[in-house]
Protein backbone atom coordinates (compact mmCIF):
# COMPACT_ATOMS: atom_id res chain seq x y z
CA UNK A 1 0.00 0.00 0.00
CA UNK A 2 1.05 3.53 -0.65
CA UNK A 3 2.33 5.67 2.18
CA UNK A 4 1.48 9.01 0.60
CA UNK A 5 -1.12 8.00 -1.96
CA UNK A 6 -4.20 5.81 -1.82
CA UNK A 7 -5.81 4.64 -5.03
CA UNK A 8 -9.22 3.09 -4.59
CA UNK A 9 -11.11 1.22 -7.29
CA UNK A 10 -14.89 0.91 -6.93
CA UNK A 11 -15.36 -2.69 -8.09
CA UNK A 12 -19.15 -2.26 -8.20
CA UNK A 13 -18.69 0.24 -11.05
CA UNK A 14 -15.45 -0.94 -12.67
CA UNK A 15 -15.79 -3.09 -15.79
CA UNK A 16 -12.30 -4.53 -15.24
CA UNK A 17 -10.38 -5.87 -18.21
CA UNK A 18 -13.44 -5.29 -20.39
CA UNK A 19 -12.55 -1.58 -20.19
CA UNK A 20 -8.94 -1.33 -18.96
CA UNK A 21 -8.62 2.29 -20.02
CA UNK A 22 -6.96 3.28 -16.73
CA UNK A 23 -4.18 0.76 -17.38
CA UNK A 24 -3.39 2.46 -20.68
CA UNK A 25 -3.86 6.00 -19.34
CA UNK A 26 -1.49 5.80 -16.35
CA UNK A 27 2.01 7.06 -17.27
CA UNK A 28 3.61 5.34 -14.25
CA UNK A 29 1.93 1.92 -14.57
CA UNK A 30 0.06 1.92 -11.29
CA UNK A 31 -2.81 -0.19 -12.56
CA UNK A 32 -2.54 -3.80 -13.64
CA UNK A 33 -4.87 -6.43 -15.00
CA UNK A 34 -5.47 -9.24 -12.53
CA UNK A 35 -7.63 -12.09 -13.82
CA UNK A 36 -10.75 -10.15 -14.96
CA UNK A 37 -10.23 -7.18 -12.64
CA UNK A 38 -8.12 -4.07 -12.64
CA UNK A 39 -5.99 -3.73 -9.53
CA UNK A 40 -3.47 -1.31 -8.06
CA UNK A 41 0.14 -2.49 -8.08
CA UNK A 42 1.16 -1.94 -4.43
CA UNK A 43 4.81 -1.32 -5.28
CA UNK A 44 3.81 1.41 -7.76
CA UNK A 45 1.08 3.20 -5.81
CA UNK A 46 3.38 5.90 -4.40
CA UNK A 47 4.58 6.67 -7.93
CA UNK A 48 1.27 8.45 -8.61
CA UNK A 49 2.00 11.99 -9.83
CA UNK A 50 -1.63 13.14 -9.46
CA UNK A 51 -1.81 13.79 -13.20
CA UNK A 52 -5.41 12.50 -13.04
CA UNK A 53 -5.17 10.89 -16.49
CA UNK A 54 -6.94 7.82 -15.09
CA UNK A 55 -9.75 9.96 -13.64
CA UNK A 56 -10.23 11.86 -16.89
CA UNK A 57 -10.39 8.70 -18.98
CA UNK A 58 -12.42 6.53 -16.59
CA UNK A 59 -15.92 6.44 -18.02
CA UNK A 60 -17.59 5.08 -14.89
CA UNK A 61 -15.91 7.21 -12.23
CA UNK A 62 -14.50 4.07 -10.66
CA UNK A 63 -11.25 5.51 -9.32
CA UNK A 64 -10.57 7.68 -6.30
CA UNK A 65 -7.15 9.14 -5.55
CA UNK A 66 -6.45 10.08 -1.94
CA UNK A 67 -3.54 12.24 -0.88
CA UNK A 68 -2.44 10.94 2.51
CA UNK A 69 -0.37 13.99 3.35
CA UNK A 70 -0.72 17.75 3.36
CA UNK A 71 1.46 20.07 1.34
CA UNK A 72 3.43 22.56 3.43
CA UNK A 73 3.13 26.17 2.44
CA UNK A 74 6.37 28.12 2.08
PDB file of N, CA and C in Angstrom:
ATOM      1  N   UNK A   1       0.841  -1.194   0.000  1.00  0.00           N
ATOM      2  CA  UNK A   1       0.000   0.000   0.000  1.00  0.00           C
ATOM      3  C   UNK A   1       0.876   1.243   0.000  1.00  0.00           C
ATOM      4  N   UNK A   2       0.336   2.275  -0.588  1.00  0.00           N
ATOM      5  CA  UNK A   2       1.053   3.530  -0.655  1.00  0.00           C
ATOM      6  C   UNK A   2       1.094   4.234   0.686  1.00  0.00           C
ATOM      7  N   UNK A   3       2.173   4.910   0.955  1.00  0.00           N
ATOM      8  CA  UNK A   3       2.331   5.669   2.185  1.00  0.00           C
ATOM      9  C   UNK A   3       1.741   7.062   2.013  1.00  0.00           C
ATOM     10  N   UNK A   4       1.929   7.652   0.848  1.00  0.00           N
ATOM     11  CA  UNK A   4       1.483   9.014   0.601  1.00  0.00           C
ATOM     12  C   UNK A   4       0.256   9.089  -0.291  1.00  0.00           C
ATOM     13  N   UNK A   5      -0.042   8.013  -0.994  1.00  0.00           N
ATOM     14  CA  UNK A   5      -1.125   8.000  -1.964  1.00  0.00           C
ATOM     15  C   UNK A   5      -1.987   6.766  -1.742  1.00  0.00           C
ATOM     16  N   UNK A   6      -3.285   6.943  -1.861  1.00  0.00           N
ATOM     17  CA  UNK A   6      -4.204   5.811  -1.818  1.00  0.00           C
ATOM     18  C   UNK A   6      -5.060   5.812  -3.071  1.00  0.00           C
ATOM     19  N   UNK A   7      -4.970   4.786  -3.850  1.00  0.00           N
ATOM     20  CA  UNK A   7      -5.807   4.636  -5.032  1.00  0.00           C
ATOM     21  C   UNK A   7      -6.866   3.590  -4.731  1.00  0.00           C
ATOM     22  N   UNK A   8      -8.113   3.972  -4.915  1.00  0.00           N
ATOM     23  CA  UNK A   8      -9.219   3.087  -4.595  1.00  0.00           C
ATOM     24  C   UNK A   8     -10.027   2.845  -5.866  1.00  0.00           C
ATOM     25  N   UNK A   9     -10.290   1.591  -6.147  1.00  0.00           N
ATOM     26  CA  UNK A   9     -11.112   1.220  -7.289  1.00  0.00           C
ATOM     27  C   UNK A   9     -12.462   0.741  -6.763  1.00  0.00           C
ATOM     28  N   UNK A  10     -13.531   1.320  -7.290  1.00  0.00           N
ATOM     29  CA  UNK A  10     -14.888   0.908  -6.934  1.00  0.00           C
ATOM     30  C   UNK A  10     -15.249  -0.272  -7.831  1.00  0.00           C
ATOM     31  N   UNK A  11     -15.136  -1.482  -7.295  1.00  0.00           N
ATOM     32  CA  UNK A  11     -15.359  -2.689  -8.086  1.00  0.00           C
ATOM     33  C   UNK A  11     -16.828  -2.898  -8.452  1.00  0.00           C
ATOM     34  N   UNK A  12     -17.741  -2.180  -7.809  1.00  0.00           N
ATOM     35  CA  UNK A  12     -19.147  -2.259  -8.196  1.00  0.00           C
ATOM     36  C   UNK A  12     -19.391  -1.530  -9.513  1.00  0.00           C
ATOM     37  N   UNK A  13     -18.562  -0.547  -9.817  1.00  0.00           N
ATOM     38  CA  UNK A  13     -18.691   0.235 -11.053  1.00  0.00           C
ATOM     39  C   UNK A  13     -17.702  -0.181 -12.133  1.00  0.00           C
ATOM     40  N   UNK A  14     -16.533  -0.633 -11.731  1.00  0.00           N
ATOM     41  CA  UNK A  14     -15.448  -0.939 -12.665  1.00  0.00           C
ATOM     42  C   UNK A  14     -15.795  -2.141 -13.543  1.00  0.00           C
ATOM     43  N   UNK A  15     -15.543  -2.009 -14.834  1.00  0.00           N
ATOM     44  CA  UNK A  15     -15.788  -3.093 -15.787  1.00  0.00           C
ATOM     45  C   UNK A  15     -14.558  -3.985 -15.955  1.00  0.00           C
ATOM     46  N   UNK A  16     -13.501  -3.691 -15.219  1.00  0.00           N
ATOM     47  CA  UNK A  16     -12.300  -4.530 -15.235  1.00  0.00           C
ATOM     48  C   UNK A  16     -11.611  -4.553 -16.579  1.00  0.00           C
ATOM     49  N   UNK A  17     -11.123  -5.728 -16.961  1.00  0.00           N
ATOM     50  CA  UNK A  17     -10.376  -5.872 -18.208  1.00  0.00           C
ATOM     51  C   UNK A  17     -11.230  -5.555 -19.429  1.00  0.00           C
ATOM     52  N   UNK A  18     -12.544  -5.645 -19.288  1.00  0.00           N
ATOM     53  CA  UNK A  18     -13.444  -5.292 -20.393  1.00  0.00           C
ATOM     54  C   UNK A  18     -13.208  -3.846 -20.837  1.00  0.00           C
ATOM     55  N   UNK A  19     -12.851  -2.991 -19.896  1.00  0.00           N
ATOM     56  CA  UNK A  19     -12.553  -1.584 -20.193  1.00  0.00           C
ATOM     57  C   UNK A  19     -11.039  -1.389 -20.224  1.00  0.00           C
ATOM     58  N   UNK A  20     -10.400  -1.417 -19.059  1.00  0.00           N
ATOM     59  CA  UNK A  20      -8.944  -1.325 -18.957  1.00  0.00           C
ATOM     60  C   UNK A  20      -8.326  -0.010 -19.366  1.00  0.00           C
ATOM     61  N   UNK A  21      -9.133   1.012 -19.538  1.00  0.00           N
ATOM     62  CA  UNK A  21      -8.617   2.291 -20.023  1.00  0.00           C
ATOM     63  C   UNK A  21      -7.647   2.940 -19.027  1.00  0.00           C
ATOM     64  N   UNK A  22      -7.848   2.702 -17.744  1.00  0.00           N
ATOM     65  CA  UNK A  22      -6.956   3.282 -16.733  1.00  0.00           C
ATOM     66  C   UNK A  22      -5.553   2.690 -16.845  1.00  0.00           C
ATOM     67  N   UNK A  23      -5.473   1.420 -17.214  1.00  0.00           N
ATOM     68  CA  UNK A  23      -4.176   0.759 -17.376  1.00  0.00           C
ATOM     69  C   UNK A  23      -3.377   1.466 -18.467  1.00  0.00           C
ATOM     70  N   UNK A  24      -4.043   1.781 -19.559  1.00  0.00           N
ATOM     71  CA  UNK A  24      -3.388   2.458 -20.677  1.00  0.00           C
ATOM     72  C   UNK A  24      -3.113   3.928 -20.386  1.00  0.00           C
ATOM     73  N   UNK A  25      -3.971   4.565 -19.597  1.00  0.00           N
ATOM     74  CA  UNK A  25      -3.859   6.005 -19.341  1.00  0.00           C
ATOM     75  C   UNK A  25      -2.738   6.359 -18.362  1.00  0.00           C
ATOM     76  N   UNK A  26      -2.437   5.489 -17.426  1.00  0.00           N
ATOM     77  CA  UNK A  26      -1.486   5.805 -16.353  1.00  0.00           C
ATOM     78  C   UNK A  26      -0.046   5.824 -16.867  1.00  0.00           C
ATOM     79  N   UNK A  27       0.625   6.972 -16.769  1.00  0.00           N
ATOM     80  CA  UNK A  27       2.005   7.062 -17.266  1.00  0.00           C
ATOM     81  C   UNK A  27       3.036   6.364 -16.374  1.00  0.00           C
ATOM     82  N   UNK A  28       2.652   5.989 -15.151  1.00  0.00           N
ATOM     83  CA  UNK A  28       3.615   5.340 -14.254  1.00  0.00           C
ATOM     84  C   UNK A  28       3.210   3.910 -13.894  1.00  0.00           C
ATOM     85  N   UNK A  29       2.303   3.341 -14.683  1.00  0.00           N
ATOM     86  CA  UNK A  29       1.935   1.921 -14.571  1.00  0.00           C
ATOM     87  C   UNK A  29       1.473   1.488 -13.181  1.00  0.00           C
ATOM     88  N   UNK A  30       0.578   2.261 -12.605  1.00  0.00           N
ATOM     89  CA  UNK A  30       0.057   1.925 -11.286  1.00  0.00           C
ATOM     90  C   UNK A  30      -0.985   0.816 -11.357  1.00  0.00           C
ATOM     91  N   UNK A  31      -1.732   0.784 -12.437  1.00  0.00           N
ATOM     92  CA  UNK A  31      -2.809  -0.192 -12.564  1.00  0.00           C
ATOM     93  C   UNK A  31      -2.331  -1.417 -13.326  1.00  0.00           C
ATOM     94  N   UNK A  32      -2.871  -2.579 -12.945  1.00  0.00           N
ATOM     95  CA  UNK A  32      -2.541  -3.802 -13.640  1.00  0.00           C
ATOM     96  C   UNK A  32      -3.789  -4.649 -13.795  1.00  0.00           C
ATOM     97  N   UNK A  33      -3.760  -5.510 -14.777  1.00  0.00           N
ATOM     98  CA  UNK A  33      -4.871  -6.428 -14.995  1.00  0.00           C
ATOM     99  C   UNK A  33      -4.605  -7.686 -14.189  1.00  0.00           C
ATOM    100  N   UNK A  34      -5.593  -8.064 -13.398  1.00  0.00           N
ATOM    101  CA  UNK A  34      -5.472  -9.237 -12.531  1.00  0.00           C
ATOM    102  C   UNK A  34      -6.713 -10.097 -12.752  1.00  0.00           C
ATOM    103  N   UNK A  35      -6.539 -11.214 -13.385  1.00  0.00           N
ATOM    104  CA  UNK A  35      -7.634 -12.092 -13.818  1.00  0.00           C
ATOM    105  C   UNK A  35      -8.590 -11.244 -14.664  1.00  0.00           C
ATOM    106  N   UNK A  36      -9.808 -10.986 -14.206  1.00  0.00           N
ATOM    107  CA  UNK A  36     -10.753 -10.152 -14.960  1.00  0.00           C
ATOM    108  C   UNK A  36     -10.864  -8.749 -14.388  1.00  0.00           C
ATOM    109  N   UNK A  37     -10.130  -8.469 -13.320  1.00  0.00           N
ATOM    110  CA  UNK A  37     -10.233  -7.185 -12.637  1.00  0.00           C
ATOM    111  C   UNK A  37      -9.033  -6.293 -12.917  1.00  0.00           C
ATOM    112  N   UNK A  38      -9.222  -5.018 -12.650  1.00  0.00           N
ATOM    113  CA  UNK A  38      -8.117  -4.065 -12.640  1.00  0.00           C
ATOM    114  C   UNK A  38      -7.735  -3.896 -11.176  1.00  0.00           C
ATOM    115  N   UNK A  39      -6.459  -3.865 -10.896  1.00  0.00           N
ATOM    116  CA  UNK A  39      -5.992  -3.727  -9.526  1.00  0.00           C
ATOM    117  C   UNK A  39      -4.896  -2.673  -9.481  1.00  0.00           C
ATOM    118  N   UNK A  40      -4.548  -2.263  -8.279  1.00  0.00           N
ATOM    119  CA  UNK A  40      -3.468  -1.310  -8.061  1.00  0.00           C
ATOM    120  C   UNK A  40      -2.221  -2.102  -7.689  1.00  0.00           C
ATOM    121  N   UNK A  41      -1.125  -1.834  -8.393  1.00  0.00           N
ATOM    122  CA  UNK A  41       0.143  -2.490  -8.082  1.00  0.00           C
ATOM    123  C   UNK A  41       0.714  -1.838  -6.822  1.00  0.00           C
ATOM    124  N   UNK A  42       0.726  -2.539  -5.696  1.00  0.00           N
ATOM    125  CA  UNK A  42       1.155  -1.938  -4.429  1.00  0.00           C
ATOM    126  C   UNK A  42       2.535  -1.281  -4.491  1.00  0.00           C
ATOM    127  N   UNK A  43       3.456  -1.870  -5.209  1.00  0.00           N
ATOM    128  CA  UNK A  43       4.811  -1.315  -5.283  1.00  0.00           C
ATOM    129  C   UNK A  43       4.854  -0.018  -6.088  1.00  0.00           C
ATOM    130  N   UNK A  44       3.835   0.236  -6.905  1.00  0.00           N
ATOM    131  CA  UNK A  44       3.812   1.414  -7.759  1.00  0.00           C
ATOM    132  C   UNK A  44       2.915   2.534  -7.231  1.00  0.00           C
ATOM    133  N   UNK A  45       2.094   2.253  -6.264  1.00  0.00           N
ATOM    134  CA  UNK A  45       1.078   3.204  -5.807  1.00  0.00           C
ATOM    135  C   UNK A  45       1.646   4.573  -5.453  1.00  0.00           C
ATOM    136  N   UNK A  46       2.776   4.618  -4.781  1.00  0.00           N
ATOM    137  CA  UNK A  46       3.381   5.898  -4.404  1.00  0.00           C
ATOM    138  C   UNK A  46       4.027   6.625  -5.571  1.00  0.00           C
ATOM    139  N   UNK A  47       4.043   6.009  -6.744  1.00  0.00           N
ATOM    140  CA  UNK A  47       4.577   6.675  -7.927  1.00  0.00           C
ATOM    141  C   UNK A  47       3.556   7.620  -8.553  1.00  0.00           C
ATOM    142  N   UNK A  48       2.335   7.602  -8.062  1.00  0.00           N
ATOM    143  CA  UNK A  48       1.274   8.452  -8.613  1.00  0.00           C
ATOM    144  C   UNK A  48       1.715   9.914  -8.569  1.00  0.00           C
ATOM    145  N   UNK A  49       1.599  10.581  -9.729  1.00  0.00           N
ATOM    146  CA  UNK A  49       1.996  11.986  -9.827  1.00  0.00           C
ATOM    147  C   UNK A  49       0.792  12.923  -9.794  1.00  0.00           C
ATOM    148  N   UNK A  50      -0.384  12.365  -9.515  1.00  0.00           N
ATOM    149  CA  UNK A  50      -1.632  13.137  -9.458  1.00  0.00           C
ATOM    150  C   UNK A  50      -1.927  13.839 -10.786  1.00  0.00           C
ATOM    151  N   UNK A  51      -1.529  13.216 -11.881  1.00  0.00           N
ATOM    152  CA  UNK A  51      -1.811  13.792 -13.203  1.00  0.00           C
ATOM    153  C   UNK A  51      -3.297  13.670 -13.540  1.00  0.00           C
ATOM    154  N   UNK A  52      -3.971  12.748 -12.897  1.00  0.00           N
ATOM    155  CA  UNK A  52      -5.406  12.499 -13.042  1.00  0.00           C
ATOM    156  C   UNK A  52      -5.806  11.994 -14.424  1.00  0.00           C
ATOM    157  N   UNK A  53      -4.852  11.457 -15.182  1.00  0.00           N
ATOM    158  CA  UNK A  53      -5.169  10.886 -16.490  1.00  0.00           C
ATOM    159  C   UNK A  53      -6.170   9.736 -16.339  1.00  0.00           C
ATOM    160  N   UNK A  54      -6.019   8.935 -15.303  1.00  0.00           N
ATOM    161  CA  UNK A  54      -6.942   7.817 -15.089  1.00  0.00           C
ATOM    162  C   UNK A  54      -8.351   8.326 -14.774  1.00  0.00           C
ATOM    163  N   UNK A  55      -8.441   9.402 -13.981  1.00  0.00           N
ATOM    164  CA  UNK A  55      -9.754   9.961 -13.642  1.00  0.00           C
ATOM    165  C   UNK A  55     -10.434  10.553 -14.863  1.00  0.00           C
ATOM    166  N   UNK A  56      -9.676  11.236 -15.694  1.00  0.00           N
ATOM    167  CA  UNK A  56     -10.229  11.856 -16.887  1.00  0.00           C
ATOM    168  C   UNK A  56     -10.725  10.819 -17.889  1.00  0.00           C
ATOM    169  N   UNK A  57     -10.030   9.709 -17.983  1.00  0.00           N
ATOM    170  CA  UNK A  57     -10.387   8.697 -18.984  1.00  0.00           C
ATOM    171  C   UNK A  57     -11.386   7.670 -18.474  1.00  0.00           C
ATOM    172  N   UNK A  58     -11.517   7.533 -17.162  1.00  0.00           N
ATOM    173  CA  UNK A  58     -12.421   6.525 -16.591  1.00  0.00           C
ATOM    174  C   UNK A  58     -13.867   6.931 -16.852  1.00  0.00           C
ATOM    175  N   UNK A  59     -14.548   6.142 -17.625  1.00  0.00           N
ATOM    176  CA  UNK A  59     -15.919   6.436 -18.022  1.00  0.00           C
ATOM    177  C   UNK A  59     -16.916   6.265 -16.867  1.00  0.00           C
ATOM    178  N   UNK A  60     -16.636   5.393 -15.948  1.00  0.00           N
ATOM    179  CA  UNK A  60     -17.593   5.082 -14.893  1.00  0.00           C
ATOM    180  C   UNK A  60     -17.269   5.662 -13.544  1.00  0.00           C
ATOM    181  N   UNK A  61     -16.359   6.606 -13.500  1.00  0.00           N
ATOM    182  CA  UNK A  61     -15.915   7.207 -12.227  1.00  0.00           C
ATOM    183  C   UNK A  61     -15.652   6.141 -11.170  1.00  0.00           C
ATOM    184  N   UNK A  62     -14.803   5.212 -11.516  1.00  0.00           N
ATOM    185  CA  UNK A  62     -14.504   4.065 -10.659  1.00  0.00           C
ATOM    186  C   UNK A  62     -13.277   4.251  -9.781  1.00  0.00           C
ATOM    187  N   UNK A  63     -12.533   5.330 -10.000  1.00  0.00           N
ATOM    188  CA  UNK A  63     -11.251   5.508  -9.319  1.00  0.00           C
ATOM    189  C   UNK A  63     -11.301   6.729  -8.413  1.00  0.00           C
ATOM    190  N   UNK A  64     -10.749   6.574  -7.227  1.00  0.00           N
ATOM    191  CA  UNK A  64     -10.572   7.685  -6.297  1.00  0.00           C
ATOM    192  C   UNK A  64      -9.098   7.737  -5.936  1.00  0.00           C
ATOM    193  N   UNK A  65      -8.533   8.945  -5.963  1.00  0.00           N
ATOM    194  CA  UNK A  65      -7.145   9.141  -5.553  1.00  0.00           C
ATOM    195  C   UNK A  65      -7.158   9.948  -4.261  1.00  0.00           C
ATOM    196  N   UNK A  66      -6.538   9.395  -3.233  1.00  0.00           N
ATOM    197  CA  UNK A  66      -6.453  10.081  -1.941  1.00  0.00           C
ATOM    198  C   UNK A  66      -5.018  10.507  -1.676  1.00  0.00           C
ATOM    199  N   UNK A  67      -4.844  11.773  -1.345  1.00  0.00           N
ATOM    200  CA  UNK A  67      -3.539  12.241  -0.882  1.00  0.00           C
ATOM    201  C   UNK A  67      -3.517  12.013   0.621  1.00  0.00           C
ATOM    202  N   UNK A  68      -2.531  11.273   1.086  1.00  0.00           N
ATOM    203  CA  UNK A  68      -2.445  10.937   2.509  1.00  0.00           C
ATOM    204  C   UNK A  68      -1.473  11.839   3.247  1.00  0.00           C
ATOM    205  N   UNK A  69      -1.251  13.019   2.700  1.00  0.00           N
ATOM    206  CA  UNK A  69      -0.371  13.988   3.345  1.00  0.00           C
ATOM    207  C   UNK A  69      -0.850  15.374   2.973  1.00  0.00           C
ATOM    208  N   UNK A  70      -0.375  16.358   3.662  1.00  0.00           N
ATOM    209  CA  UNK A  70      -0.724  17.750   3.355  1.00  0.00           C
ATOM    210  C   UNK A  70       0.519  18.463   2.870  1.00  0.00           C
ATOM    211  N   UNK A  71       0.346  19.282   1.845  1.00  0.00           N
ATOM    212  CA  UNK A  71       1.456  20.068   1.336  1.00  0.00           C
ATOM    213  C   UNK A  71       1.760  21.185   2.332  1.00  0.00           C
ATOM    214  N   UNK A  72       3.034  21.438   2.560  1.00  0.00           N
ATOM    215  CA  UNK A  72       3.432  22.555   3.429  1.00  0.00           C
ATOM    216  C   UNK A  72       3.500  23.821   2.601  1.00  0.00           C
ATOM    217  N   UNK A  73       2.995  24.905   3.141  1.00  0.00           N
ATOM    218  CA  UNK A  73       3.126  26.174   2.439  1.00  0.00           C
ATOM    219  C   UNK A  73       4.446  26.826   2.816  1.00  0.00           C
ATOM    220  N   UNK A  74       5.040  27.527   1.858  1.00  0.00           N
ATOM    221  CA  UNK A  74       6.368  28.117   2.079  1.00  0.00           C
ATOM    222  C   UNK A  74       6.270  29.444   2.772  1.00  0.00           C
TER     223      UNK A  74
END
